[in-house]
C-alpha atoms as a PDB file:
ATOM      1  CA  MET A   1     242.537 113.645 145.545  1.00  0.00           C
ATOM      2  CA  ARG A   2     241.927 110.045 146.875  1.00  0.00           C
ATOM      3  CA  PHE A   3     244.501 107.330 146.921  1.00  0.00           C
ATOM      4  CA  VAL A   4     244.696 103.749 148.203  1.00  0.00           C
ATOM      5  CA  ALA A   5     247.763 102.316 149.836  1.00  0.00           C
ATOM      6  CA  PHE A   6     248.714  98.568 150.155  1.00  0.00           C
ATOM      7  CA  LEU A   7     251.067  97.938 153.106  1.00  0.00           C
ATOM      8  CA  ARG A   8     253.057  94.807 152.385  1.00  0.00           C
ATOM      9  CA  ASN A   9     252.740  91.771 154.629  1.00  0.00           C
ATOM     10  CA  VAL A  10     250.390  93.234 157.332  1.00  0.00           C
ATOM     11  CA  ASN A  11     247.814  91.514 159.412  1.00  0.00           C
ATOM     12  CA  GLN A  12     246.734  94.102 161.985  1.00  0.00           C
ATOM     13  CA  GLY A  13     246.135  92.858 165.275  1.00  0.00           C
ATOM     14  CA  GLN A  14     248.556  90.002 165.130  1.00  0.00           C
ATOM     15  CA  HIS A  15     251.855  89.726 167.217  1.00  0.00           C
ATOM     16  CA  GLY A  16     254.881  91.424 165.380  1.00  0.00           C
ATOM     17  CA  GLN A  17     252.463  93.434 163.089  1.00  0.00           C
ATOM     18  CA  PRO A  18     251.844  97.256 162.942  1.00  0.00           C
ATOM     19  CA  THR A  19     248.544  98.117 164.665  1.00  0.00           C
ATOM     20  CA  THR A  20     245.747 100.121 163.136  1.00  0.00           C
ATOM     21  CA  ASP A  21     246.863 103.021 165.417  1.00  0.00           C
ATOM     22  CA  ASP A  22     250.562 102.829 164.079  1.00  0.00           C
ATOM     23  CA  ILE A  23     249.309 102.740 160.573  1.00  0.00           C
ATOM     24  CA  ARG A  24     246.766 105.642 160.981  1.00  0.00           C
ATOM     25  CA  GLY A  25     249.364 107.590 162.913  1.00  0.00           C
ATOM     26  CA  ALA A  26     252.024 107.096 160.359  1.00  0.00           C
ATOM     27  CA  PHE A  27     249.802 108.593 157.637  1.00  0.00           C
ATOM     28  CA  GLU A  28     248.903 111.462 159.976  1.00  0.00           C
ATOM     29  CA  ASP A  29     252.737 112.079 160.522  1.00  0.00           C
ATOM     30  CA  ALA A  30     252.877 112.215 156.772  1.00  0.00           C
ATOM     31  CA  GLY A  31     250.336 114.988 156.616  1.00  0.00           C
ATOM     32  CA  CYS A  32     247.496 113.022 154.996  1.00  0.00           C
ATOM     33  CA  ARG A  33     243.881 114.146 155.308  1.00  0.00           C
ATOM     34  CA  ASP A  34     240.787 111.861 155.715  1.00  0.00           C
ATOM     35  CA  ILE A  35     242.755 108.733 156.509  1.00  0.00           C
ATOM     36  CA  ARG A  36     240.589 105.392 156.496  1.00  0.00           C
ATOM     37  CA  THR A  37     241.949 102.016 157.275  1.00  0.00           C
ATOM     38  CA  PHE A  38     240.054  99.273 155.481  1.00  0.00           C
ATOM     39  CA  GLN A  39     239.915  95.673 156.804  1.00  0.00           C
ATOM     40  CA  SER A  40     242.840  94.493 158.900  1.00  0.00           C
ATOM     41  CA  ASN A  41     245.214  93.826 155.877  1.00  0.00           C
ATOM     42  CA  GLY A  42     247.115  97.108 155.755  1.00  0.00           C
ATOM     43  CA  THR A  43     244.771  98.880 153.110  1.00  0.00           C
ATOM     44  CA  VAL A  44     244.531 102.597 153.624  1.00  0.00           C
ATOM     45  CA  LEU A  45     242.527 105.184 151.916  1.00  0.00           C
ATOM     46  CA  PHE A  46     243.899 108.723 152.165  1.00  0.00           C
ATOM     47  CA  ASP A  47     243.841 112.236 150.592  1.00  0.00           C
ATOM     48  CA  ALA A  48     246.992 113.995 149.522  1.00  0.00           C
ATOM     49  CA  ASP A  49     248.435 116.255 147.043  1.00  0.00           C
ATOM     50  CA  ASP A  50     251.755 114.384 146.810  1.00  0.00           C
ATOM     51  CA  PRO A  51     251.104 110.807 147.461  1.00  0.00           C
ATOM     52  CA  ALA A  52     254.652 109.668 146.746  1.00  0.00           C
ATOM     53  CA  SER A  53     256.091 111.817 149.389  1.00  0.00           C
ATOM     54  CA  VAL A  54     253.338 110.886 151.810  1.00  0.00           C
ATOM     55  CA  VAL A  55     254.059 107.032 151.315  1.00  0.00           C
ATOM     56  CA  GLN A  56     257.807 107.682 151.762  1.00  0.00           C
ATOM     57  CA  VAL A  57     257.200 109.502 155.034  1.00  0.00           C
ATOM     58  CA  ALA A  58     254.588 106.912 156.080  1.00  0.00           C
ATOM     59  CA  GLU A  59     256.915 104.017 155.514  1.00  0.00           C
ATOM     60  CA  VAL A  60     259.525 105.454 157.992  1.00  0.00           C
ATOM     61  CA  ALA A  61     256.837 106.433 160.410  1.00  0.00           C
ATOM     62  CA  VAL A  62     255.287 102.879 160.484  1.00  0.00           C
ATOM     63  CA  ALA A  63     258.642 101.448 161.152  1.00  0.00           C
ATOM     64  CA  GLU A  64     259.324 104.009 164.097  1.00  0.00           C
ATOM     65  CA  ARG A  65     256.019 103.672 165.465  1.00  0.00           C
ATOM     66  CA  SER A  66     255.586  99.929 165.532  1.00  0.00           C
ATOM     67  CA  GLY A  67     259.263  98.632 165.235  1.00  0.00           C
ATOM     68  CA  HIS A  68     258.211  96.794 161.987  1.00  0.00           C
ATOM     69  CA  ALA A  69     259.258  97.974 158.637  1.00  0.00           C
ATOM     70  CA  ARG A  70     256.763  97.617 155.824  1.00  0.00           C
ATOM     71  CA  GLU A  71     256.671  98.601 152.315  1.00  0.00           C
ATOM     72  CA  ILE A  72     253.819 100.625 151.064  1.00  0.00           C
ATOM     73  CA  PHE A  73     252.485 100.935 147.518  1.00  0.00           C
ATOM     74  CA  TRP A  74     249.920 103.379 146.318  1.00  0.00           C
ATOM     75  CA  ILE A  75     247.427 103.985 143.462  1.00  0.00           C
ATOM     76  CA  PRO A  76     244.753 106.678 142.718  1.00  0.00           C
ATOM     77  CA  LEU A  77     241.388 105.200 143.776  1.00  0.00           C
ATOM     78  CA  GLY A  78     239.943 106.055 140.432  1.00  0.00           C
ATOM     79  CA  ARG A  79     242.761 103.944 138.689  1.00  0.00           C
ATOM     80  CA  LEU A  80     242.008 101.083 141.068  1.00  0.00           C
ATOM     81  CA  THR A  81     238.426 101.255 140.148  1.00  0.00           C
ATOM     82  CA  GLU A  82     239.442 100.988 136.323  1.00  0.00           C
ATOM     83  CA  ILE A  83     241.610  98.027 137.105  1.00  0.00           C
ATOM     84  CA  ALA A  84     238.876  96.276 138.938  1.00  0.00           C
ATOM     85  CA  ALA A  85     236.460  96.686 135.992  1.00  0.00           C
ATOM     86  CA  ILE A  86     238.862  94.683 133.754  1.00  0.00           C
ATOM     87  CA  ALA A  87     238.217  91.398 135.612  1.00  0.00           C
ATOM     88  CA  ASP A  88     235.403  88.968 134.969  1.00  0.00           C
ATOM     89  CA  ALA A  89     232.611  90.310 137.150  1.00  0.00           C
ATOM     90  CA  ASP A  90     231.228  86.779 137.452  1.00  0.00           C
ATOM     91  CA  ALA A  91     234.363  85.321 139.150  1.00  0.00           C
ATOM     92  CA  PRO A  92     235.897  88.036 141.354  1.00  0.00           C
ATOM     93  CA  GLY A  93     237.412  85.361 143.666  1.00  0.00           C
ATOM     94  CA  LEU A  94     239.720  84.263 141.027  1.00  0.00           C
ATOM     95  CA  TYR A  95     241.640  87.774 140.729  1.00  0.00           C
ATOM     96  CA  GLU A  96     244.136  89.731 142.644  1.00  0.00           C
ATOM     97  CA  VAL A  97     245.145  93.305 142.142  1.00  0.00           C
ATOM     98  CA  THR A  98     248.902  93.854 142.861  1.00  0.00           C
ATOM     99  CA  LEU A  99     250.823  97.074 143.504  1.00  0.00           C
ATOM    100  CA  HIS A 100     254.787  96.845 143.108  1.00  0.00           C
ATOM    101  CA  SER A 101     257.597  99.265 142.573  1.00  0.00           C
ATOM    102  CA  GLY A 102     258.883  97.195 139.353  1.00  0.00           C
ATOM    103  CA  GLY A 103     257.580  99.502 136.649  1.00  0.00           C
ATOM    104  CA  ASP A 104     255.500  98.042 133.822  1.00  0.00           C
ATOM    105  CA  ILE A 105     255.567  94.269 133.477  1.00  0.00           C
ATOM    106  CA  ALA A 106     255.594  92.756 129.782  1.00  0.00           C
ATOM    107  CA  ALA A 107     253.020  90.160 130.566  1.00  0.00           C
ATOM    108  CA  HIS A 108     253.622  88.276 127.045  1.00  0.00           C
ATOM    109  CA  ARG A 109     257.350  87.938 127.913  1.00  0.00           C
ATOM    110  CA  SER A 110     258.182  84.298 128.013  1.00  0.00           C
ATOM    111  CA  GLY A 111     259.600  84.397 131.409  1.00  0.00           C
ATOM    112  CA  VAL A 112     256.668  86.019 132.908  1.00  0.00           C
ATOM    113  CA  ALA A 113     254.240  83.667 131.287  1.00  0.00           C
ATOM    114  CA  ASP A 114     256.279  80.579 132.234  1.00  0.00           C
ATOM    115  CA  GLN A 115     256.363  81.748 135.851  1.00  0.00           C
ATOM    116  CA  ALA A 116     252.713  82.379 135.902  1.00  0.00           C
ATOM    117  CA  ARG A 117     252.023  78.848 134.470  1.00  0.00           C
ATOM    118  CA  ARG A 118     254.124  77.346 137.115  1.00  0.00           C
ATOM    119  CA  ARG A 119     252.315  79.405 139.752  1.00  0.00           C
ATOM    120  CA  ARG A 120     248.832  78.420 138.271  1.00  0.00           C
ATOM    121  CA  CYS A 121     247.848  81.803 137.244  1.00  0.00           C
ATOM    122  CA  THR A 122     247.729  84.243 134.331  1.00  0.00           C
ATOM    123  CA  VAL A 123     248.670  88.044 134.121  1.00  0.00           C
ATOM    124  CA  VAL A 124     245.627  89.616 132.736  1.00  0.00           C
ATOM    125  CA  ALA A 125     246.658  93.213 132.537  1.00  0.00           C
ATOM    126  CA  THR A 126     249.522  95.403 133.735  1.00  0.00           C
ATOM    127  CA  GLY A 127     250.514  99.247 133.987  1.00  0.00           C
ATOM    128  CA  ASP A 128     253.136 101.209 135.627  1.00  0.00           C
ATOM    129  CA  GLY A 129     253.216  99.720 139.071  1.00  0.00           C
ATOM    130  CA  TRP A 130     250.095  97.501 139.030  1.00  0.00           C
ATOM    131  CA  ALA A 131     249.101  93.982 137.755  1.00  0.00           C
ATOM    132  CA  LEU A 132     245.775  92.179 137.550  1.00  0.00           C
ATOM    133  CA  VAL A 133     246.377  88.506 138.002  1.00  0.00           C
ATOM    134  CA  ARG A 134     243.791  85.686 137.553  1.00  0.00           C
ATOM    135  CA  ASN A 135     244.583  82.540 139.549  1.00  0.00           C
ATOM    136  CA  ASP A 136     243.375  79.168 138.357  1.00  0.00           C
ATOM    137  CA  VAL A 137     241.560  78.345 141.672  1.00  0.00           C
ATOM    138  CA  VAL A 138     239.416  80.689 143.620  1.00  0.00           C
ATOM    139  CA  HIS A 139     240.940  82.522 146.600  1.00  0.00           C
ATOM    140  CA  GLN A 140     244.574  81.334 145.853  1.00  0.00           C
ATOM    141  CA  GLY A 141     247.344  83.912 146.511  1.00  0.00           C
ATOM    142  CA  ASN A 142     249.674  83.648 143.594  1.00  0.00           C
ATOM    143  CA  ALA A 143     250.056  87.211 142.359  1.00  0.00           C
ATOM    144  CA  THR A 144     252.567  88.634 145.070  1.00  0.00           C
ATOM    145  CA  PRO A 145     255.237  85.873 144.403  1.00  0.00           C
ATOM    146  CA  LEU A 146     254.691  85.958 140.677  1.00  0.00           C
ATOM    147  CA  ILE A 147     255.144  89.820 140.426  1.00  0.00           C
ATOM    148  CA  GLU A 148     258.032  89.761 142.860  1.00  0.00           C
ATOM    149  CA  ALA A 149     259.800  87.273 140.814  1.00  0.00           C
ATOM    150  CA  ALA A 150     258.973  88.947 137.452  1.00  0.00           C
ATOM    151  CA  THR A 151     260.155  92.367 138.546  1.00  0.00           C
ATOM    152  CA  GLY A 152     262.848  91.770 141.203  1.00  0.00           C
ATOM    153  CA  ALA A 153     260.937  94.108 143.502  1.00  0.00           C
ATOM    154  CA  ARG A 154     258.513  93.795 146.363  1.00  0.00           C
ATOM    155  CA  ALA A 155     254.773  93.776 145.845  1.00  0.00           C
ATOM    156  CA  SER A 156     251.452  93.593 147.771  1.00  0.00           C
ATOM    157  CA  SER A 157     248.311  92.068 146.580  1.00  0.00           C
ATOM    158  CA  ARG A 158     244.613  92.299 147.430  1.00  0.00           C
ATOM    159  CA  GLY A 159     242.059  89.841 146.383  1.00  0.00           C
ATOM    160  CA  LEU A 160     239.386  91.447 143.983  1.00  0.00           C
ATOM    161  CA  PRO A 161     236.612  90.924 146.334  1.00  0.00           C
ATOM    162  CA  THR A 162     238.434  93.115 148.819  1.00  0.00           C
ATOM    163  CA  VAL A 163     239.148  95.725 146.177  1.00  0.00           C
ATOM    164  CA  ILE A 164     235.369  95.739 145.203  1.00  0.00           C
ATOM    165  CA  ARG A 165     234.124  96.105 148.654  1.00  0.00           C
ATOM    166  CA  LEU A 166     236.677  99.159 149.015  1.00  0.00           C
ATOM    167  CA  ILE A 167     235.362 100.623 145.861  1.00  0.00           C
ATOM    168  CA  ASP A 168     231.692 100.319 146.928  1.00  0.00           C
ATOM    169  CA  ARG A 169     232.283 101.799 150.221  1.00  0.00           C
ATOM    170  CA  PHE A 170     234.398 104.712 149.190  1.00  0.00           C
ATOM    171  CA  ALA A 171     234.280 105.462 145.342  1.00  0.00           C
ATOM    172  CA  ARG A 172     230.503 105.183 144.546  1.00  0.00           C
END
């Protein structure tokens, strides 16, 4: 089965960041098949029978290979495709998909809604370990700090245009 991983806070090629070789090698160390890095933001496609175990091993391997620990979040590619379809297709630049380890977020809870308003965004949809956030302004990056504040756990986001390109390239 195909999965997508988001490494948190990665800008491959920059000083102090894991390299593409570090990331690819970490997923190989974890026993993945058909590993594809996508763009330079720590997005990885991989095949695995047990993605949770793969990601756990890959997190350790990234730190060992690069000297830079990074959290890794994962989701089935098919589920990511379903989440992307929720957004308004006419305004993809307003949306971010966030993966996190904080369970399911009750988007209607007053604390989450209040934080979203302060950050100039809205939680559109959520599920176990993911959220779709709509920003008030195109290409703003409010989802990660919002979801981290709402869950008390780390998160990593990708803009919907990136997610759409990934889906177009690998899922269709």
